Amino acid sequence: IWITYRPDLPQDQVARLAERVQGTDKTFMSPFEGL
C-alpha cells in the first residue's frame, strides 16, 4: 500500500499517517506533488 500526501500537509497529519506505516510490512509513504 502506497500512501501519498501533499508536501504542505500539516505535520500532525503526516505523523498520523506514519503511525499506520512504521513497522508494518507491505506499506510505505512519501510526499507527492500535484495531488
PDB file of all heavy atoms in Angstrom:
ATOM      1  N   ILE A   1       0.870  -1.180   0.000  1.00  0.00           N
ATOM      2  CA  ILE A   1       0.000   0.000   0.000  1.00  0.00           C
ATOM      3  C   ILE A   1       0.903   1.225   0.000  1.00  0.00           C
ATOM      4  O   ILE A   1       1.788   1.364   0.854  1.00  0.00           O
ATOM      5  CB  ILE A   1      -0.910   0.037   1.246  1.00  0.00           C
ATOM      6  CG1 ILE A   1      -1.775  -1.216   1.323  1.00  0.00           C
ATOM      7  CG2 ILE A   1      -1.773   1.298   1.247  1.00  0.00           C
ATOM      8  CD1 ILE A   1      -2.749  -1.394   0.190  1.00  0.00           C
ATOM      9  N   TRP A   2       0.680   2.121  -0.947  1.00  0.00           N
ATOM     10  CA  TRP A   2       1.480   3.341  -1.063  1.00  0.00           C
ATOM     11  C   TRP A   2       0.602   4.523  -0.644  1.00  0.00           C
ATOM     12  O   TRP A   2      -0.402   4.822  -1.281  1.00  0.00           O
ATOM     13  CB  TRP A   2       1.961   3.498  -2.504  1.00  0.00           C
ATOM     14  CG  TRP A   2       2.826   4.710  -2.783  1.00  0.00           C
ATOM     15  CD1 TRP A   2       3.577   5.415  -1.888  1.00  0.00           C
ATOM     16  CD2 TRP A   2       3.025   5.324  -4.065  1.00  0.00           C
ATOM     17  NE1 TRP A   2       4.244   6.450  -2.518  1.00  0.00           N
ATOM     18  CE2 TRP A   2       3.927   6.405  -3.860  1.00  0.00           C
ATOM     19  CE3 TRP A   2       2.559   5.079  -5.356  1.00  0.00           C
ATOM     20  CZ2 TRP A   2       4.339   7.246  -4.900  1.00  0.00           C
ATOM     21  CZ3 TRP A   2       2.982   5.897  -6.400  1.00  0.00           C
ATOM     22  CH2 TRP A   2       3.855   6.972  -6.164  1.00  0.00           C
ATOM     23  N   ILE A   3       1.007   5.188   0.433  1.00  0.00           N
ATOM     24  CA  ILE A   3       0.291   6.370   0.919  1.00  0.00           C
ATOM     25  C   ILE A   3       1.055   7.606   0.469  1.00  0.00           C
ATOM     26  O   ILE A   3       2.252   7.754   0.766  1.00  0.00           O
ATOM     27  CB  ILE A   3       0.167   6.366   2.461  1.00  0.00           C
ATOM     28  CG1 ILE A   3      -0.598   5.117   2.935  1.00  0.00           C
ATOM     29  CG2 ILE A   3      -0.534   7.632   2.952  1.00  0.00           C
ATOM     30  CD1 ILE A   3      -0.738   5.011   4.443  1.00  0.00           C
ATOM     31  N   THR A   4       0.376   8.472  -0.247  1.00  0.00           N
ATOM     32  CA  THR A   4       0.986   9.731  -0.691  1.00  0.00           C
ATOM     33  C   THR A   4       0.207  10.906  -0.101  1.00  0.00           C
ATOM     34  O   THR A   4      -0.979  10.790   0.212  1.00  0.00           O
ATOM     35  CB  THR A   4       0.974   9.828  -2.226  1.00  0.00           C
ATOM     36  OG1 THR A   4      -0.381   9.711  -2.699  1.00  0.00           O
ATOM     37  CG2 THR A   4       1.817   8.720  -2.853  1.00  0.00           C
ATOM     38  N   TYR A   5       0.907  12.059   0.036  1.00  0.00           N
ATOM     39  CA  TYR A   5       0.273  13.227   0.636  1.00  0.00           C
ATOM     40  C   TYR A   5       0.905  14.500   0.074  1.00  0.00           C
ATOM     41  O   TYR A   5       2.054  14.489  -0.419  1.00  0.00           O
ATOM     42  CB  TYR A   5       0.413  13.198   2.164  1.00  0.00           C
ATOM     43  CG  TYR A   5       1.851  13.163   2.659  1.00  0.00           C
ATOM     44  CD1 TYR A   5       2.543  14.338   2.959  1.00  0.00           C
ATOM     45  CD2 TYR A   5       2.521  11.951   2.802  1.00  0.00           C
ATOM     46  CE1 TYR A   5       3.859  14.297   3.400  1.00  0.00           C
ATOM     47  CE2 TYR A   5       3.837  11.902   3.234  1.00  0.00           C
ATOM     48  CZ  TYR A   5       4.498  13.088   3.533  1.00  0.00           C
ATOM     49  OH  TYR A   5       5.813  13.057   3.955  1.00  0.00           O
ATOM     50  N   ARG A   6       0.170  15.572   0.146  1.00  0.00           N
ATOM     51  CA  ARG A   6       0.707  16.856  -0.301  1.00  0.00           C
ATOM     52  C   ARG A   6       1.876  17.268   0.586  1.00  0.00           C
ATOM     53  O   ARG A   6       1.845  17.061   1.803  1.00  0.00           O
ATOM     54  CB  ARG A   6      -0.367  17.936  -0.215  1.00  0.00           C
ATOM     55  CG  ARG A   6      -1.439  17.859  -1.288  1.00  0.00           C
ATOM     56  CD  ARG A   6      -2.493  18.909  -1.023  1.00  0.00           C
ATOM     57  NE  ARG A   6      -3.547  18.908  -2.042  1.00  0.00           N
ATOM     58  CZ  ARG A   6      -4.674  19.596  -1.932  1.00  0.00           C
ATOM     59  NH1 ARG A   6      -4.898  20.351  -0.841  1.00  0.00           N
ATOM     60  NH2 ARG A   6      -5.580  19.544  -2.892  1.00  0.00           N
ATOM     61  N   PRO A   7       2.920  17.880  -0.004  1.00  0.00           N
ATOM     62  CA  PRO A   7       4.075  18.297   0.796  1.00  0.00           C
ATOM     63  C   PRO A   7       3.715  19.314   1.888  1.00  0.00           C
ATOM     64  O   PRO A   7       4.436  19.412   2.890  1.00  0.00           O
ATOM     65  CB  PRO A   7       5.019  18.921  -0.239  1.00  0.00           C
ATOM     66  CG  PRO A   7       4.661  18.235  -1.516  1.00  0.00           C
ATOM     67  CD  PRO A   7       3.175  18.037  -1.450  1.00  0.00           C
ATOM     68  N   ASP A   8       2.612  20.057   1.711  1.00  0.00           N
ATOM     69  CA  ASP A   8       2.234  21.052   2.721  1.00  0.00           C
ATOM     70  C   ASP A   8       1.236  20.502   3.750  1.00  0.00           C
ATOM     71  O   ASP A   8       0.664  21.265   4.532  1.00  0.00           O
ATOM     72  CB  ASP A   8       1.641  22.289   2.051  1.00  0.00           C
ATOM     73  CG  ASP A   8       0.385  21.991   1.242  1.00  0.00           C
ATOM     74  OD1 ASP A   8       0.064  20.788   1.066  1.00  0.00           O
ATOM     75  OD2 ASP A   8      -0.277  22.944   0.779  1.00  0.00           O
ATOM     76  N   LEU A   9       1.041  19.190   3.774  1.00  0.00           N
ATOM     77  CA  LEU A   9       0.140  18.606   4.765  1.00  0.00           C
ATOM     78  C   LEU A   9       0.703  18.873   6.165  1.00  0.00           C
ATOM     79  O   LEU A   9       1.899  18.681   6.404  1.00  0.00           O
ATOM     80  CB  LEU A   9       0.013  17.093   4.534  1.00  0.00           C
ATOM     81  CG  LEU A   9      -1.049  16.373   5.375  1.00  0.00           C
ATOM     82  CD1 LEU A   9      -2.452  16.748   4.916  1.00  0.00           C
ATOM     83  CD2 LEU A   9      -0.851  14.858   5.297  1.00  0.00           C
ATOM     84  N   PRO A  10      -0.137  19.331   7.116  1.00  0.00           N
ATOM     85  CA  PRO A  10       0.351  19.597   8.479  1.00  0.00           C
ATOM     86  C   PRO A  10       1.082  18.396   9.067  1.00  0.00           C
ATOM     87  O   PRO A  10       0.730  17.241   8.817  1.00  0.00           O
ATOM     88  CB  PRO A  10      -0.926  19.914   9.256  1.00  0.00           C
ATOM     89  CG  PRO A  10      -1.859  20.459   8.223  1.00  0.00           C
ATOM     90  CD  PRO A  10      -1.569  19.670   6.974  1.00  0.00           C
ATOM     91  N   GLN A  11       2.094  18.697   9.856  1.00  0.00           N
ATOM     92  CA  GLN A  11       2.948  17.643  10.397  1.00  0.00           C
ATOM     93  C   GLN A  11       2.196  16.654  11.287  1.00  0.00           C
ATOM     94  O   GLN A  11       2.548  15.468  11.335  1.00  0.00           O
ATOM     95  CB  GLN A  11       4.125  18.254  11.168  1.00  0.00           C
ATOM     96  CG  GLN A  11       5.214  18.810  10.272  1.00  0.00           C
ATOM     97  CD  GLN A  11       5.777  17.750   9.332  1.00  0.00           C
ATOM     98  OE1 GLN A  11       6.181  16.666   9.752  1.00  0.00           O
ATOM     99  NE2 GLN A  11       5.802  18.049   8.029  1.00  0.00           N
ATOM    100  N   ASP A  12       1.185  17.126  11.998  1.00  0.00           N
ATOM    101  CA  ASP A  12       0.438  16.186  12.834  1.00  0.00           C
ATOM    102  C   ASP A  12      -0.321  15.183  11.975  1.00  0.00           C
ATOM    103  O   ASP A  12      -0.485  14.016  12.350  1.00  0.00           O
ATOM    104  CB  ASP A  12      -0.521  16.924  13.771  1.00  0.00           C
ATOM    105  CG  ASP A  12      -1.574  17.729  13.014  1.00  0.00           C
ATOM    106  OD1 ASP A  12      -1.251  18.287  11.954  1.00  0.00           O
ATOM    107  OD2 ASP A  12      -2.727  17.785  13.499  1.00  0.00           O
ATOM    108  N   GLN A  13      -0.749  15.627  10.781  1.00  0.00           N
ATOM    109  CA  GLN A  13      -1.414  14.727   9.848  1.00  0.00           C
ATOM    110  C   GLN A  13      -0.424  13.714   9.272  1.00  0.00           C
ATOM    111  O   GLN A  13      -0.731  12.521   9.151  1.00  0.00           O
ATOM    112  CB  GLN A  13      -2.049  15.531   8.714  1.00  0.00           C
ATOM    113  CG  GLN A  13      -3.195  16.436   9.146  1.00  0.00           C
ATOM    114  CD  GLN A  13      -4.510  15.672   9.178  1.00  0.00           C
ATOM    115  OE1 GLN A  13      -4.981  15.167   8.168  1.00  0.00           O
ATOM    116  NE2 GLN A  13      -5.082  15.574  10.358  1.00  0.00           N
ATOM    117  N   VAL A  14       0.766  14.199   8.935  1.00  0.00           N
ATOM    118  CA  VAL A  14       1.808  13.304   8.420  1.00  0.00           C
ATOM    119  C   VAL A  14       2.160  12.256   9.474  1.00  0.00           C
ATOM    120  O   VAL A  14       2.345  11.070   9.163  1.00  0.00           O
ATOM    121  CB  VAL A  14       3.061  14.111   8.014  1.00  0.00           C
ATOM    122  CG1 VAL A  14       4.191  13.165   7.593  1.00  0.00           C
ATOM    123  CG2 VAL A  14       2.738  15.091   6.885  1.00  0.00           C
ATOM    124  N   ALA A  15       2.236  12.692  10.733  1.00  0.00           N
ATOM    125  CA  ALA A  15       2.576  11.765  11.822  1.00  0.00           C
ATOM    126  C   ALA A  15       1.511  10.680  11.970  1.00  0.00           C
ATOM    127  O   ALA A  15       1.837   9.511  12.234  1.00  0.00           O
ATOM    128  CB  ALA A  15       2.738  12.534  13.127  1.00  0.00           C
ATOM    129  N   ARG A  16       0.257  11.029  11.805  1.00  0.00           N
ATOM    130  CA  ARG A  16      -0.817  10.037  11.921  1.00  0.00           C
ATOM    131  C   ARG A  16      -0.739   9.000  10.793  1.00  0.00           C
ATOM    132  O   ARG A  16      -1.013   7.823  10.998  1.00  0.00           O
ATOM    133  CB  ARG A  16      -2.185  10.715  11.919  1.00  0.00           C
ATOM    134  CG  ARG A  16      -2.433  11.577  13.130  1.00  0.00           C
ATOM    135  CD  ARG A  16      -3.885  12.014  13.237  1.00  0.00           C
ATOM    136  NE  ARG A  16      -4.758  10.883  13.537  1.00  0.00           N
ATOM    137  CZ  ARG A  16      -6.055  11.005  13.800  1.00  0.00           C
ATOM    138  NH1 ARG A  16      -6.630  12.206  13.767  1.00  0.00           N
ATOM    139  NH2 ARG A  16      -6.785   9.942  14.064  1.00  0.00           N
ATOM    140  N   LEU A  17      -0.349   9.465   9.617  1.00  0.00           N
ATOM    141  CA  LEU A  17      -0.158   8.525   8.507  1.00  0.00           C
ATOM    142  C   LEU A  17       1.034   7.604   8.772  1.00  0.00           C
ATOM    143  O   LEU A  17       0.971   6.396   8.513  1.00  0.00           O
ATOM    144  CB  LEU A  17       0.055   9.288   7.199  1.00  0.00           C
ATOM    145  CG  LEU A  17      -1.120  10.125   6.689  1.00  0.00           C
ATOM    146  CD1 LEU A  17      -0.699  10.917   5.453  1.00  0.00           C
ATOM    147  CD2 LEU A  17      -2.328   9.245   6.371  1.00  0.00           C
ATOM    148  N   ALA A  18       2.100   8.192   9.303  1.00  0.00           N
ATOM    149  CA  ALA A  18       3.310   7.413   9.568  1.00  0.00           C
ATOM    150  C   ALA A  18       3.050   6.316  10.602  1.00  0.00           C
ATOM    151  O   ALA A  18       3.667   5.240  10.545  1.00  0.00           O
ATOM    152  CB  ALA A  18       4.437   8.333  10.035  1.00  0.00           C
ATOM    153  N   GLU A  19       2.144   6.573  11.544  1.00  0.00           N
ATOM    154  CA  GLU A  19       1.820   5.560  12.550  1.00  0.00           C
ATOM    155  C   GLU A  19       1.243   4.301  11.911  1.00  0.00           C
ATOM    156  O   GLU A  19       1.403   3.203  12.437  1.00  0.00           O
ATOM    157  CB  GLU A  19       0.815   6.129  13.551  1.00  0.00           C
ATOM    158  CG  GLU A  19       1.402   7.176  14.488  1.00  0.00           C
ATOM    159  CD  GLU A  19       0.346   7.801  15.382  1.00  0.00           C
ATOM    160  OE1 GLU A  19      -0.841   7.419  15.256  1.00  0.00           O
ATOM    161  OE2 GLU A  19       0.700   8.663  16.211  1.00  0.00           O
ATOM    162  N   ARG A  20       0.569   4.466  10.805  1.00  0.00           N
ATOM    163  CA  ARG A  20      -0.024   3.317  10.122  1.00  0.00           C
ATOM    164  C   ARG A  20       1.008   2.539   9.302  1.00  0.00           C
ATOM    165  O   ARG A  20       0.757   1.387   8.937  1.00  0.00           O
ATOM    166  CB  ARG A  20      -1.155   3.777   9.198  1.00  0.00           C
ATOM    167  CG  ARG A  20      -2.367   4.363   9.933  1.00  0.00           C
ATOM    168  CD  ARG A  20      -3.372   4.843   8.914  1.00  0.00           C
ATOM    169  NE  ARG A  20      -4.670   5.172   9.474  1.00  0.00           N
ATOM    170  CZ  ARG A  20      -5.032   6.380   9.872  1.00  0.00           C
ATOM    171  NH1 ARG A  20      -4.165   7.393   9.771  1.00  0.00           N
ATOM    172  NH2 ARG A  20      -6.231   6.588  10.366  1.00  0.00           N
ATOM    173  N   VAL A  21       2.121   3.176   9.004  1.00  0.00           N
ATOM    174  CA  VAL A  21       3.113   2.577   8.115  1.00  0.00           C
ATOM    175  C   VAL A  21       4.274   1.954   8.876  1.00  0.00           C
ATOM    176  O   VAL A  21       4.663   0.807   8.590  1.00  0.00           O
ATOM    177  CB  VAL A  21       3.637   3.640   7.118  1.00  0.00           C
ATOM    178  CG1 VAL A  21       4.815   3.096   6.322  1.00  0.00           C
ATOM    179  CG2 VAL A  21       2.508   4.095   6.197  1.00  0.00           C
ATOM    180  N   GLN A  22       4.831   2.694   9.806  1.00  0.00           N
ATOM    181  CA  GLN A  22       6.032   2.229  10.506  1.00  0.00           C
ATOM    182  C   GLN A  22       5.798   0.882  11.186  1.00  0.00           C
ATOM    183  O   GLN A  22       4.845   0.706  11.928  1.00  0.00           O
ATOM    184  CB  GLN A  22       6.478   3.265  11.532  1.00  0.00           C
ATOM    185  CG  GLN A  22       7.014   4.542  10.898  1.00  0.00           C
ATOM    186  CD  GLN A  22       7.298   5.635  11.920  1.00  0.00           C
ATOM    187  OE1 GLN A  22       6.586   5.784  12.907  1.00  0.00           O
ATOM    188  NE2 GLN A  22       8.332   6.424  11.680  1.00  0.00           N
ATOM    189  N   GLY A  23       6.675  -0.053  10.900  1.00  0.00           N
ATOM    190  CA  GLY A  23       6.576  -1.382  11.495  1.00  0.00           C
ATOM    191  C   GLY A  23       5.601  -2.312  10.798  1.00  0.00           C
ATOM    192  O   GLY A  23       5.397  -3.441  11.263  1.00  0.00           O
ATOM    193  N   THR A  24       4.989  -1.871   9.714  1.00  0.00           N
ATOM    194  CA  THR A  24       4.012  -2.705   9.000  1.00  0.00           C
ATOM    195  C   THR A  24       4.550  -3.054   7.620  1.00  0.00           C
ATOM    196  O   THR A  24       4.712  -2.175   6.770  1.00  0.00           O
ATOM    197  CB  THR A  24       2.660  -1.977   8.865  1.00  0.00           C
ATOM    198  OG1 THR A  24       2.175  -1.624  10.162  1.00  0.00           O
ATOM    199  CG2 THR A  24       1.633  -2.870   8.178  1.00  0.00           C
ATOM    200  N   ASP A  25       4.834  -4.323   7.414  1.00  0.00           N
ATOM    201  CA  ASP A  25       5.353  -4.742   6.109  1.00  0.00           C
ATOM    202  C   ASP A  25       4.304  -4.547   5.022  1.00  0.00           C
ATOM    203  O   ASP A  25       3.097  -4.519   5.266  1.00  0.00           O
ATOM    204  CB  ASP A  25       5.751  -6.220   6.176  1.00  0.00           C
ATOM    205  CG  ASP A  25       6.571  -6.639   4.968  1.00  0.00           C
ATOM    206  OD1 ASP A  25       7.367  -5.808   4.471  1.00  0.00           O
ATOM    207  OD2 ASP A  25       6.422  -7.807   4.522  1.00  0.00           O
ATOM    208  N   LYS A  26       4.773  -4.367   3.801  1.00  0.00           N
ATOM    209  CA  LYS A  26       3.939  -4.101   2.626  1.00  0.00           C
ATOM    210  C   LYS A  26       3.196  -2.761   2.744  1.00  0.00           C
ATOM    211  O   LYS A  26       2.063  -2.630   2.276  1.00  0.00           O
ATOM    212  CB  LYS A  26       2.916  -5.235   2.415  1.00  0.00           C
ATOM    213  CG  LYS A  26       3.539  -6.616   2.163  1.00  0.00           C
ATOM    214  CD  LYS A  26       4.291  -6.646   0.834  1.00  0.00           C
ATOM    215  CE  LYS A  26       4.920  -7.985   0.557  1.00  0.00           C
ATOM    216  NZ  LYS A  26       3.998  -9.029   0.136  1.00  0.00           N
ATOM    217  N   THR A  27       3.853  -1.771   3.348  1.00  0.00           N
ATOM    218  CA  THR A  27       3.346  -0.393   3.348  1.00  0.00           C
ATOM    219  C   THR A  27       4.532   0.554   3.194  1.00  0.00           C
ATOM    220  O   THR A  27       5.647   0.251   3.625  1.00  0.00           O
ATOM    221  CB  THR A  27       2.597  -0.029   4.658  1.00  0.00           C
ATOM    222  OG1 THR A  27       3.495  -0.114   5.764  1.00  0.00           O
ATOM    223  CG2 THR A  27       1.391  -0.941   4.890  1.00  0.00           C
ATOM    224  N   PHE A  28       4.300   1.714   2.579  1.00  0.00           N
ATOM    225  CA  PHE A  28       5.299   2.788   2.500  1.00  0.00           C
ATOM    226  C   PHE A  28       4.566   4.082   2.179  1.00  0.00           C
ATOM    227  O   PHE A  28       3.409   4.074   1.715  1.00  0.00           O
ATOM    228  CB  PHE A  28       6.394   2.475   1.465  1.00  0.00           C
ATOM    229  CG  PHE A  28       5.930   2.371   0.039  1.00  0.00           C
ATOM    230  CD1 PHE A  28       6.411   3.258  -0.929  1.00  0.00           C
ATOM    231  CD2 PHE A  28       5.052   1.373  -0.384  1.00  0.00           C
ATOM    232  CE1 PHE A  28       6.011   3.158  -2.265  1.00  0.00           C
ATOM    233  CE2 PHE A  28       4.656   1.261  -1.703  1.00  0.00           C
ATOM    234  CZ  PHE A  28       5.133   2.157  -2.655  1.00  0.00           C
ATOM    235  N   MET A  29       5.219   5.221   2.437  1.00  0.00           N
ATOM    236  CA  MET A  29       4.585   6.510   2.199  1.00  0.00           C
ATOM    237  C   MET A  29       5.612   7.545   1.771  1.00  0.00           C
ATOM    238  O   MET A  29       6.805   7.427   2.082  1.00  0.00           O
ATOM    239  CB  MET A  29       3.849   6.996   3.460  1.00  0.00           C
ATOM    240  CG  MET A  29       4.739   7.235   4.672  1.00  0.00           C
ATOM    241  SD  MET A  29       3.795   7.800   6.120  1.00  0.00           S
ATOM    242  CE  MET A  29       3.495   9.526   5.692  1.00  0.00           C
ATOM    243  N   SER A  30       5.131   8.554   1.055  1.00  0.00           N
ATOM    244  CA  SER A  30       6.018   9.635   0.589  1.00  0.00           C
ATOM    245  C   SER A  30       5.164  10.835   0.185  1.00  0.00           C
ATOM    246  O   SER A  30       3.980  10.691  -0.141  1.00  0.00           O
ATOM    247  CB  SER A  30       6.847   9.149  -0.614  1.00  0.00           C
ATOM    248  OG  SER A  30       5.979   8.897  -1.715  1.00  0.00           O
ATOM    249  N   PRO A  31       5.747  12.041   0.210  1.00  0.00           N
ATOM    250  CA  PRO A  31       5.025  13.215  -0.306  1.00  0.00           C
ATOM    251  C   PRO A  31       4.914  13.115  -1.823  1.00  0.00           C
ATOM    252  O   PRO A  31       5.737  12.455  -2.480  1.00  0.00           O
ATOM    253  CB  PRO A  31       5.913  14.382   0.132  1.00  0.00           C
ATOM    254  CG  PRO A  31       7.279  13.802   0.308  1.00  0.00           C
ATOM    255  CD  PRO A  31       7.082  12.386   0.751  1.00  0.00           C
ATOM    256  N   PHE A  32       3.884  13.800  -2.363  1.00  0.00           N
ATOM    257  CA  PHE A  32       3.647  13.733  -3.820  1.00  0.00           C
ATOM    258  C   PHE A  32       3.139  15.093  -4.293  1.00  0.00           C
ATOM    259  O   PHE A  32       2.129  15.596  -3.794  1.00  0.00           O
ATOM    260  CB  PHE A  32       2.619  12.640  -4.138  1.00  0.00           C
ATOM    261  CG  PHE A  32       2.565  12.232  -5.570  1.00  0.00           C
ATOM    262  CD1 PHE A  32       3.236  11.113  -6.009  1.00  0.00           C
ATOM    263  CD2 PHE A  32       1.840  12.979  -6.504  1.00  0.00           C
ATOM    264  CE1 PHE A  32       3.182  10.728  -7.347  1.00  0.00           C
ATOM    265  CE2 PHE A  32       1.778  12.603  -7.828  1.00  0.00           C
ATOM    266  CZ  PHE A  32       2.460  11.470  -8.262  1.00  0.00           C
ATOM    267  N   GLU A  33       3.839  15.647  -5.227  1.00  0.00           N
ATOM    268  CA  GLU A  33       3.459  16.958  -5.781  1.00  0.00           C
ATOM    269  C   GLU A  33       2.217  16.849  -6.678  1.00  0.00           C
ATOM    270  O   GLU A  33       2.074  15.889  -7.435  1.00  0.00           O
ATOM    271  CB  GLU A  33       4.625  17.529  -6.622  1.00  0.00           C
ATOM    272  CG  GLU A  33       5.885  17.838  -5.810  1.00  0.00           C
ATOM    273  CD  GLU A  33       5.770  19.139  -5.026  1.00  0.00           C
ATOM    274  OE1 GLU A  33       4.758  19.855  -5.182  1.00  0.00           O
ATOM    275  OE2 GLU A  33       6.702  19.430  -4.251  1.00  0.00           O
ATOM    276  N   GLY A  34       1.362  17.855  -6.611  1.00  0.00           N
ATOM    277  CA  GLY A  34       0.251  17.979  -7.542  1.00  0.00           C
ATOM    278  C   GLY A  34      -0.993  17.165  -7.210  1.00  0.00           C
ATOM    279  O   GLY A  34      -1.845  16.964  -8.085  1.00  0.00           O
ATOM    280  N   LEU A  35      -1.141  16.695  -5.981  1.00  0.00           N
ATOM    281  CA  LEU A  35      -2.355  15.951  -5.619  1.00  0.00           C
ATOM    282  C   LEU A  35      -3.566  16.875  -5.627  1.00  0.00           C
ATOM    283  O   LEU A  35      -3.496  18.028  -5.195  1.00  0.00           O
ATOM    284  CB  LEU A  35      -2.201  15.322  -4.223  1.00  0.00           C
ATOM    285  CG  LEU A  35      -1.245  14.127  -4.080  1.00  0.00           C
ATOM    286  CD1 LEU A  35      -1.238  13.650  -2.629  1.00  0.00           C
ATOM    287  CD2 LEU A  35      -1.664  13.000  -5.008  1.00  0.00           C
TER     288      LEU A  35
END
